[in-house]
PDB file of N, CA and C in Angstrom:
ATOM      1  N   MET A   1       6.545 -45.158 -70.685  1.00  0.00           N
ATOM      2  CA  MET A   1       6.976 -44.731 -72.001  1.00  0.00           C
ATOM      3  C   MET A   1       6.765 -43.219 -72.125  1.00  0.00           C
ATOM      4  N   HIS A   2       7.574 -42.603 -72.906  1.00  0.00           N
ATOM      5  CA  HIS A   2       7.525 -41.159 -73.105  1.00  0.00           C
ATOM      6  C   HIS A   2       7.403 -40.849 -74.593  1.00  0.00           C
ATOM      7  N   ARG A   3       6.531 -39.880 -74.902  1.00  0.00           N
ATOM      8  CA  ARG A   3       6.360 -39.400 -76.273  1.00  0.00           C
ATOM      9  C   ARG A   3       6.378 -37.876 -76.245  1.00  0.00           C
ATOM     10  N   THR A   4       6.503 -37.277 -77.396  1.00  0.00           N
ATOM     11  CA  THR A   4       6.498 -35.819 -77.498  1.00  0.00           C
ATOM     12  C   THR A   4       5.508 -35.379 -78.573  1.00  0.00           C
ATOM     13  N   THR A   5       5.129 -34.113 -78.486  1.00  0.00           N
ATOM     14  CA  THR A   5       4.242 -33.532 -79.490  1.00  0.00           C
ATOM     15  C   THR A   5       5.051 -32.640 -80.427  1.00  0.00           C
ATOM     16  N   GLU A   6       4.449 -32.307 -81.543  1.00  0.00           N
ATOM     17  CA  GLU A   6       5.094 -31.391 -82.486  1.00  0.00           C
ATOM     18  C   GLU A   6       5.342 -30.033 -81.823  1.00  0.00           C
ATOM     19  N   GLN A   7       4.388 -29.586 -81.019  1.00  0.00           N
ATOM     20  CA  GLN A   7       4.543 -28.305 -80.318  1.00  0.00           C
ATOM     21  C   GLN A   7       5.755 -28.340 -79.382  1.00  0.00           C
ATOM     22  N   PHE A   8       5.958 -29.471 -78.694  1.00  0.00           N
ATOM     23  CA  PHE A   8       7.129 -29.603 -77.828  1.00  0.00           C
ATOM     24  C   PHE A   8       8.397 -29.381 -78.644  1.00  0.00           C
ATOM     25  N   TRP A   9       8.496 -30.051 -79.804  1.00  0.00           N
ATOM     26  CA  TRP A   9       9.709 -29.944 -80.620  1.00  0.00           C
ATOM     27  C   TRP A   9       9.903 -28.541 -81.178  1.00  0.00           C
ATOM     28  N   GLN A  10       8.811 -27.863 -81.498  1.00  0.00           N
ATOM     29  CA  GLN A  10       8.929 -26.482 -81.970  1.00  0.00           C
ATOM     30  C   GLN A  10       9.545 -25.603 -80.888  1.00  0.00           C
ATOM     31  N   ARG A  11       9.072 -25.753 -79.668  1.00  0.00           N
ATOM     32  CA  ARG A  11       9.623 -24.963 -78.550  1.00  0.00           C
ATOM     33  C   ARG A  11      11.067 -25.390 -78.258  1.00  0.00           C
ATOM     34  N   TYR A  12      11.323 -26.687 -78.293  1.00  0.00           N
ATOM     35  CA  TYR A  12      12.663 -27.224 -78.040  1.00  0.00           C
ATOM     36  C   TYR A  12      13.676 -26.585 -78.989  1.00  0.00           C
ATOM     37  N   HIS A  13      13.344 -26.519 -80.267  1.00  0.00           N
ATOM     38  CA  HIS A  13      14.286 -25.990 -81.259  1.00  0.00           C
ATOM     39  C   HIS A  13      14.488 -24.482 -81.146  1.00  0.00           C
ATOM     40  N   GLN A  14      13.650 -23.794 -80.408  1.00  0.00           N
ATOM     41  CA  GLN A  14      13.824 -22.364 -80.167  1.00  0.00           C
ATOM     42  C   GLN A  14      14.764 -22.087 -78.995  1.00  0.00           C
ATOM     43  N   LEU A  15      15.059 -23.116 -78.219  1.00  0.00           N
ATOM     44  CA  LEU A  15      15.932 -22.948 -77.055  1.00  0.00           C
ATOM     45  C   LEU A  15      17.393 -22.872 -77.489  1.00  0.00           C
ATOM     46  N   PRO A  16      18.235 -22.213 -76.684  1.00  0.00           N
ATOM     47  CA  PRO A  16      19.674 -22.209 -76.978  1.00  0.00           C
ATOM     48  C   PRO A  16      20.241 -23.635 -76.958  1.00  0.00           C
ATOM     49  N   GLN A  17      21.304 -23.857 -77.710  1.00  0.00           N
ATOM     50  CA  GLN A  17      21.898 -25.192 -77.824  1.00  0.00           C
ATOM     51  C   GLN A  17      22.258 -25.786 -76.465  1.00  0.00           C
ATOM     52  N   GLU A  18      22.807 -24.983 -75.553  1.00  0.00           N
ATOM     53  CA  GLU A  18      23.206 -25.533 -74.255  1.00  0.00           C
ATOM     54  C   GLU A  18      21.996 -26.021 -73.456  1.00  0.00           C
ATOM     55  N   VAL A  19      20.861 -25.370 -73.605  1.00  0.00           N
ATOM     56  CA  VAL A  19      19.644 -25.819 -72.918  1.00  0.00           C
ATOM     57  C   VAL A  19      19.127 -27.096 -73.581  1.00  0.00           C
ATOM     58  N   ARG A  20      19.175 -27.164 -74.901  1.00  0.00           N
ATOM     59  CA  ARG A  20      18.766 -28.393 -75.600  1.00  0.00           C
ATOM     60  C   ARG A  20      19.648 -29.568 -75.179  1.00  0.00           C
ATOM     61  N   ASP A  21      20.950 -29.323 -75.036  1.00  0.00           N
ATOM     62  CA  ASP A  21      21.860 -30.389 -74.596  1.00  0.00           C
ATOM     63  C   ASP A  21      21.484 -30.883 -73.201  1.00  0.00           C
ATOM     64  N   ARG A  22      21.164 -29.950 -72.298  1.00  0.00           N
ATOM     65  CA  ARG A  22      20.752 -30.350 -70.944  1.00  0.00           C
ATOM     66  C   ARG A  22      19.420 -31.099 -70.990  1.00  0.00           C
ATOM     67  N   ALA A  23      18.508 -30.644 -71.845  1.00  0.00           N
ATOM     68  CA  ALA A  23      17.213 -31.322 -71.976  1.00  0.00           C
ATOM     69  C   ALA A  23      17.410 -32.755 -72.474  1.00  0.00           C
ATOM     70  N   ASP A  24      18.301 -32.941 -73.437  1.00  0.00           N
ATOM     71  CA  ASP A  24      18.585 -34.288 -73.950  1.00  0.00           C
ATOM     72  C   ASP A  24      19.122 -35.185 -72.842  1.00  0.00           C
ATOM     73  N   LYS A  25      20.027 -34.647 -72.045  1.00  0.00           N
ATOM     74  CA  LYS A  25      20.610 -35.414 -70.942  1.00  0.00           C
ATOM     75  C   LYS A  25      19.530 -35.776 -69.914  1.00  0.00           C
ATOM     76  N   CYS A  26      18.663 -34.819 -69.606  1.00  0.00           N
ATOM     77  CA  CYS A  26      17.591 -35.066 -68.647  1.00  0.00           C
ATOM     78  C   CYS A  26      16.605 -36.107 -69.167  1.00  0.00           C
ATOM     79  N   PHE A  27      16.309 -36.059 -70.459  1.00  0.00           N
ATOM     80  CA  PHE A  27      15.382 -37.032 -71.029  1.00  0.00           C
ATOM     81  C   PHE A  27      15.958 -38.442 -70.917  1.00  0.00           C
ATOM     82  N   GLY A  28      17.254 -38.582 -71.172  1.00  0.00           N
ATOM     83  CA  GLY A  28      17.898 -39.884 -71.014  1.00  0.00           C
ATOM     84  C   GLY A  28      17.819 -40.368 -69.578  1.00  0.00           C
ATOM     85  N   LEU A  29      18.059 -39.459 -68.642  1.00  0.00           N
ATOM     86  CA  LEU A  29      17.980 -39.807 -67.225  1.00  0.00           C
ATOM     87  C   LEU A  29      16.545 -40.156 -66.839  1.00  0.00           C
ATOM     88  N   LEU A  30      15.600 -39.426 -67.370  1.00  0.00           N
ATOM     89  CA  LEU A  30      14.190 -39.684 -67.087  1.00  0.00           C
ATOM     90  C   LEU A  30      13.802 -41.094 -67.519  1.00  0.00           C
ATOM     91  N   GLN A  31      14.309 -41.535 -68.657  1.00  0.00           N
ATOM     92  CA  GLN A  31      13.994 -42.880 -69.140  1.00  0.00           C
ATOM     93  C   GLN A  31      14.659 -43.959 -68.287  1.00  0.00           C
ATOM     94  N   SER A  32      15.856 -43.685 -67.796  1.00  0.00           N
ATOM     95  CA  SER A  32      16.569 -44.710 -67.027  1.00  0.00           C
ATOM     96  C   SER A  32      16.260 -44.662 -65.532  1.00  0.00           C
ATOM     97  N   ASP A  33      15.986 -43.471 -64.994  1.00  0.00           N
ATOM     98  CA  ASP A  33      15.756 -43.325 -63.554  1.00  0.00           C
ATOM     99  C   ASP A  33      14.840 -42.133 -63.285  1.00  0.00           C
ATOM    100  N   PRO A  34      13.523 -42.280 -63.517  1.00  0.00           N
ATOM    101  CA  PRO A  34      12.612 -41.146 -63.357  1.00  0.00           C
ATOM    102  C   PRO A  34      12.557 -40.587 -61.938  1.00  0.00           C
ATOM    103  N   ARG A  35      13.055 -41.337 -60.970  1.00  0.00           N
ATOM    104  CA  ARG A  35      13.049 -40.854 -59.584  1.00  0.00           C
ATOM    105  C   ARG A  35      14.340 -40.127 -59.205  1.00  0.00           C
ATOM    106  N   HIS A  36      15.230 -39.955 -60.162  1.00  0.00           N
ATOM    107  CA  HIS A  36      16.486 -39.260 -59.858  1.00  0.00           C
ATOM    108  C   HIS A  36      16.156 -37.865 -59.325  1.00  0.00           C
ATOM    109  N   PRO A  37      16.726 -37.495 -58.174  1.00  0.00           N
ATOM    110  CA  PRO A  37      16.358 -36.223 -57.545  1.00  0.00           C
ATOM    111  C   PRO A  37      16.638 -34.979 -58.389  1.00  0.00           C
ATOM    112  N   SER A  38      17.601 -35.031 -59.278  1.00  0.00           N
ATOM    113  CA  SER A  38      17.913 -33.845 -60.080  1.00  0.00           C
ATOM    114  C   SER A  38      16.783 -33.493 -61.045  1.00  0.00           C
ATOM    115  N   LEU A  39      15.935 -34.458 -61.380  1.00  0.00           N
ATOM    116  CA  LEU A  39      14.838 -34.217 -62.319  1.00  0.00           C
ATOM    117  C   LEU A  39      13.651 -33.509 -61.672  1.00  0.00           C
ATOM    118  N   GLN A  40      13.504 -33.701 -60.372  1.00  0.00           N
ATOM    119  CA  GLN A  40      12.335 -33.174 -59.665  1.00  0.00           C
ATOM    120  C   GLN A  40      11.053 -33.507 -60.440  1.00  0.00           C
ATOM    121  N   PHE A  41      10.970 -34.751 -60.902  1.00  0.00           N
ATOM    122  CA  PHE A  41       9.827 -35.222 -61.683  1.00  0.00           C
ATOM    123  C   PHE A  41       8.639 -35.378 -60.746  1.00  0.00           C
ATOM    124  N   LYS A  42       7.581 -34.582 -60.993  1.00  0.00           N
ATOM    125  CA  LYS A  42       6.455 -34.577 -60.064  1.00  0.00           C
ATOM    126  C   LYS A  42       5.186 -34.108 -60.755  1.00  0.00           C
ATOM    127  N   LYS A  43       4.073 -34.447 -60.131  1.00  0.00           N
ATOM    128  CA  LYS A  43       2.761 -34.003 -60.603  1.00  0.00           C
ATOM    129  C   LYS A  43       2.544 -32.576 -60.131  1.00  0.00           C
ATOM    130  N   VAL A  44       2.150 -31.721 -61.080  1.00  0.00           N
ATOM    131  CA  VAL A  44       1.867 -30.317 -60.779  1.00  0.00           C
ATOM    132  C   VAL A  44       0.543 -29.978 -61.461  1.00  0.00           C
ATOM    133  N   GLY A  45      -0.530 -29.973 -60.701  1.00  0.00           N
ATOM    134  CA  GLY A  45      -1.845 -29.734 -61.289  1.00  0.00           C
ATOM    135  C   GLY A  45      -2.182 -30.828 -62.281  1.00  0.00           C
ATOM    136  N   ALA A  46      -2.536 -30.429 -63.503  1.00  0.00           N
ATOM    137  CA  ALA A  46      -2.900 -31.393 -64.547  1.00  0.00           C
ATOM    138  C   ALA A  46      -1.683 -31.969 -65.263  1.00  0.00           C
ATOM    139  N   PHE A  47      -0.497 -31.464 -64.951  1.00  0.00           N
ATOM    140  CA  PHE A  47       0.726 -31.836 -65.663  1.00  0.00           C
ATOM    141  C   PHE A  47       1.675 -32.642 -64.788  1.00  0.00           C
ATOM    142  N   TRP A  48       2.657 -33.252 -65.466  1.00  0.00           N
ATOM    143  CA  TRP A  48       3.848 -33.781 -64.821  1.00  0.00           C
ATOM    144  C   TRP A  48       4.995 -32.877 -65.238  1.00  0.00           C
ATOM    145  N   SER A  49       5.852 -32.540 -64.296  1.00  0.00           N
ATOM    146  CA  SER A  49       6.923 -31.578 -64.523  1.00  0.00           C
ATOM    147  C   SER A  49       8.280 -32.244 -64.332  1.00  0.00           C
ATOM    148  N   ALA A  50       9.234 -31.852 -65.164  1.00  0.00           N
ATOM    149  CA  ALA A  50      10.622 -32.292 -65.010  1.00  0.00           C
ATOM    150  C   ALA A  50      11.523 -31.068 -65.133  1.00  0.00           C
ATOM    151  N   ARG A  51      12.542 -31.046 -64.304  1.00  0.00           N
ATOM    152  CA  ARG A  51      13.496 -29.945 -64.312  1.00  0.00           C
ATOM    153  C   ARG A  51      14.567 -30.201 -65.363  1.00  0.00           C
ATOM    154  N   VAL A  52      14.796 -29.207 -66.217  1.00  0.00           N
ATOM    155  CA  VAL A  52      15.882 -29.267 -67.190  1.00  0.00           C
ATOM    156  C   VAL A  52      17.135 -28.657 -66.573  1.00  0.00           C
ATOM    157  N   ASP A  53      16.976 -27.483 -65.985  1.00  0.00           N
ATOM    158  CA  ASP A  53      18.035 -26.804 -65.236  1.00  0.00           C
ATOM    159  C   ASP A  53      17.356 -25.780 -64.338  1.00  0.00           C
ATOM    160  N   LEU A  54      18.116 -24.911 -63.701  1.00  0.00           N
ATOM    161  CA  LEU A  54      17.510 -23.949 -62.784  1.00  0.00           C
ATOM    162  C   LEU A  54      16.490 -23.045 -63.461  1.00  0.00           C
ATOM    163  N   ALA A  55      16.668 -22.774 -64.732  1.00  0.00           N
ATOM    164  CA  ALA A  55      15.831 -21.797 -65.424  1.00  0.00           C
ATOM    165  C   ALA A  55      14.823 -22.402 -66.400  1.00  0.00           C
ATOM    166  N   HIS A  56      14.806 -23.737 -66.552  1.00  0.00           N
ATOM    167  CA  HIS A  56      13.941 -24.355 -67.566  1.00  0.00           C
ATOM    168  C   HIS A  56      13.254 -25.609 -67.031  1.00  0.00           C
ATOM    169  N   ARG A  57      12.020 -25.808 -67.486  1.00  0.00           N
ATOM    170  CA  ARG A  57      11.227 -26.979 -67.121  1.00  0.00           C
ATOM    171  C   ARG A  57      10.580 -27.556 -68.372  1.00  0.00           C
ATOM    172  N   ALA A  58      10.105 -28.785 -68.239  1.00  0.00           N
ATOM    173  CA  ALA A  58       9.327 -29.434 -69.293  1.00  0.00           C
ATOM    174  C   ALA A  58       8.056 -29.983 -68.657  1.00  0.00           C
ATOM    175  N   LEU A  59       6.968 -29.980 -69.430  1.00  0.00           N
ATOM    176  CA  LEU A  59       5.682 -30.450 -68.933  1.00  0.00           C
ATOM    177  C   LEU A  59       5.139 -31.572 -69.807  1.00  0.00           C
ATOM    178  N   ALA A  60       4.538 -32.547 -69.139  1.00  0.00           N
ATOM    179  CA  ALA A  60       3.919 -33.682 -69.823  1.00  0.00           C
ATOM    180  C   ALA A  60       2.520 -33.897 -69.271  1.00  0.00           C
ATOM    181  N   ILE A  61       1.715 -34.604 -70.046  1.00  0.00           N
ATOM    182  CA  ILE A  61       0.445 -35.110 -69.543  1.00  0.00           C
ATOM    183  C   ILE A  61       0.533 -36.632 -69.550  1.00  0.00           C
ATOM    184  N   ASP A  62      -0.160 -37.246 -68.614  1.00  0.00           N
ATOM    185  CA  ASP A  62      -0.186 -38.707 -68.509  1.00  0.00           C
ATOM    186  C   ASP A  62      -1.499 -39.190 -69.112  1.00  0.00           C
ATOM    187  N   ASP A  63      -1.415 -39.942 -70.194  1.00  0.00           N
ATOM    188  CA  ASP A  63      -2.641 -40.427 -70.835  1.00  0.00           C
ATOM    189  C   ASP A  63      -3.044 -41.816 -70.334  1.00  0.00           C
ATOM    190  N   GLY A  64      -2.400 -42.271 -69.278  1.00  0.00           N
ATOM    191  CA  GLY A  64      -2.693 -43.590 -68.728  1.00  0.00           C
ATOM    192  C   GLY A  64      -1.721 -44.655 -69.182  1.00  0.00           C
ATOM    193  N   ASP A  65      -1.135 -44.460 -70.356  1.00  0.00           N
ATOM    194  CA  ASP A  65      -0.135 -45.389 -70.884  1.00  0.00           C
ATOM    195  C   ASP A  65       1.229 -44.731 -71.010  1.00  0.00           C
ATOM    196  N   ASP A  66       1.231 -43.481 -71.432  1.00  0.00           N
ATOM    197  CA  ASP A  66       2.474 -42.761 -71.723  1.00  0.00           C
ATOM    198  C   ASP A  66       2.458 -41.378 -71.083  1.00  0.00           C
ATOM    199  N   PHE A  67       3.648 -40.843 -70.890  1.00  0.00           N
ATOM    200  CA  PHE A  67       3.797 -39.425 -70.591  1.00  0.00           C
ATOM    201  C   PHE A  67       4.021 -38.738 -71.930  1.00  0.00           C
ATOM    202  N   ILE A  68       3.165 -37.790 -72.247  1.00  0.00           N
ATOM    203  CA  ILE A  68       3.254 -37.066 -73.512  1.00  0.00           C
ATOM    204  C   ILE A  68       3.791 -35.677 -73.209  1.00  0.00           C
ATOM    205  N   TRP A  69       5.016 -35.420 -73.642  1.00  0.00           N
ATOM    206  CA  TRP A  69       5.685 -34.152 -73.371  1.00  0.00           C
ATOM    207  C   TRP A  69       5.152 -33.107 -74.335  1.00  0.00           C
ATOM    208  N   VAL A  70       4.539 -32.076 -73.766  1.00  0.00           N
ATOM    209  CA  VAL A  70       3.809 -31.090 -74.562  1.00  0.00           C
ATOM    210  C   VAL A  70       4.448 -29.709 -74.559  1.00  0.00           C
ATOM    211  N   TRP A  71       5.356 -29.452 -73.627  1.00  0.00           N
ATOM    212  CA  TRP A  71       5.892 -28.100 -73.487  1.00  0.00           C
ATOM    213  C   TRP A  71       7.286 -28.155 -72.861  1.00  0.00           C
ATOM    214  N   ILE A  72       8.145 -27.213 -73.266  1.00  0.00           N
ATOM    215  CA  ILE A  72       9.448 -27.006 -72.638  1.00  0.00           C
ATOM    216  C   ILE A  72       9.750 -25.518 -72.746  1.00  0.00           C
ATOM    217  N   GLY A  73      10.294 -24.949 -71.680  1.00  0.00           N
ATOM    218  CA  GLY A  73      10.593 -23.524 -71.726  1.00  0.00           C
ATOM    219  C   GLY A  73      11.090 -22.995 -70.397  1.00  0.00           C
ATOM    220  N   SER A  74      11.026 -21.678 -70.270  1.00  0.00           N
ATOM    221  CA  SER A  74      11.587 -21.009 -69.097  1.00  0.00           C
ATOM    222  C   SER A  74      10.750 -21.282 -67.846  1.00  0.00           C
ATOM    223  N   HIS A  75      11.408 -21.153 -66.710  1.00  0.00           N
ATOM    224  CA  HIS A  75      10.731 -21.358 -65.436  1.00  0.00           C
ATOM    225  C   HIS A  75       9.625 -20.324 -65.240  1.00  0.00           C
ATOM    226  N   ASP A  76       9.833 -19.094 -65.696  1.00  0.00           N
ATOM    227  CA  ASP A  76       8.800 -18.059 -65.569  1.00  0.00           C
ATOM    228  C   ASP A  76       7.539 -18.450 -66.340  1.00  0.00           C
ATOM    229  N   GLU A  77       7.709 -18.921 -67.575  1.00  0.00           N
ATOM    230  CA  GLU A  77       6.557 -19.371 -68.367  1.00  0.00           C
ATOM    231  C   GLU A  77       5.888 -20.574 -67.702  1.00  0.00           C
ATOM    232  N   TYR A  78       6.702 -21.477 -67.191  1.00  0.00           N
ATOM    233  CA  TYR A  78       6.217 -22.665 -66.487  1.00  0.00           C
ATOM    234  C   TYR A  78       5.302 -22.260 -65.338  1.00  0.00           C
ATOM    235  N   GLU A  79       5.753 -21.293 -64.547  1.00  0.00           N
ATOM    236  CA  GLU A  79       4.948 -20.829 -63.412  1.00  0.00           C
ATOM    237  C   GLU A  79       3.594 -20.307 -63.885  1.00  0.00           C
ATOM    238  N   ARG A  80       3.573 -19.545 -64.960  1.00  0.00           N
ATOM    239  CA  ARG A  80       2.308 -19.018 -65.487  1.00  0.00           C
ATOM    240  C   ARG A  80       1.394 -20.156 -65.952  1.00  0.00           C
ATOM    241  N   ILE A  81       1.965 -21.157 -66.601  1.00  0.00           N
ATOM    242  CA  ILE A  81       1.160 -22.274 -67.107  1.00  0.00           C
ATOM    243  C   ILE A  81       0.564 -23.082 -65.962  1.00  0.00           C
ATOM    244  N   VAL A  82       1.381 -23.477 -65.011  1.00  0.00           N
ATOM    245  CA  VAL A  82       0.875 -24.350 -63.945  1.00  0.00           C
ATOM    246  C   VAL A  82      -0.050 -23.608 -62.986  1.00  0.00           C
ATOM    247  N   LYS A  83       0.090 -22.298 -62.917  1.00  0.00           N
ATOM    248  CA  LYS A  83      -0.816 -21.513 -62.065  1.00  0.00           C
ATOM    249  C   LYS A  83      -2.026 -21.011 -62.841  1.00  0.00           C
ATOM    250  N   GLY A  84      -2.096 -21.342 -64.141  1.00  0.00           N
ATOM    251  CA  GLY A  84      -3.252 -21.005 -64.953  1.00  0.00           C
ATOM    252  C   GLY A  84      -3.394 -19.537 -65.292  1.00  0.00           C
ATOM    253  N   ARG A  85      -2.283 -18.839 -65.418  1.00  0.00           N
ATOM    254  CA  ARG A  85      -2.334 -17.402 -65.738  1.00  0.00           C
ATOM    255  C   ARG A  85      -2.043 -17.158 -67.187  1.00  0.00           C
TER     256      ARG A  85
END
């Protein structure tokens, strides 16, 4: 199961419409086929990562029951977060 946080939605709504559309499509794919290669859904440090497009990623934490999506944004920001900078 997948859930989101308020912070995720705040960041989501700041993204351009075309990126939000791709994120929506990816979320649907994630629910139906989380192993689909285009998602690159994988564990990265303390997070789980999913690819939205070449320039954007989303991050979740696994609470044991659900993946809680906490962040979405640019690949550059993603790199800083997962590398702890």
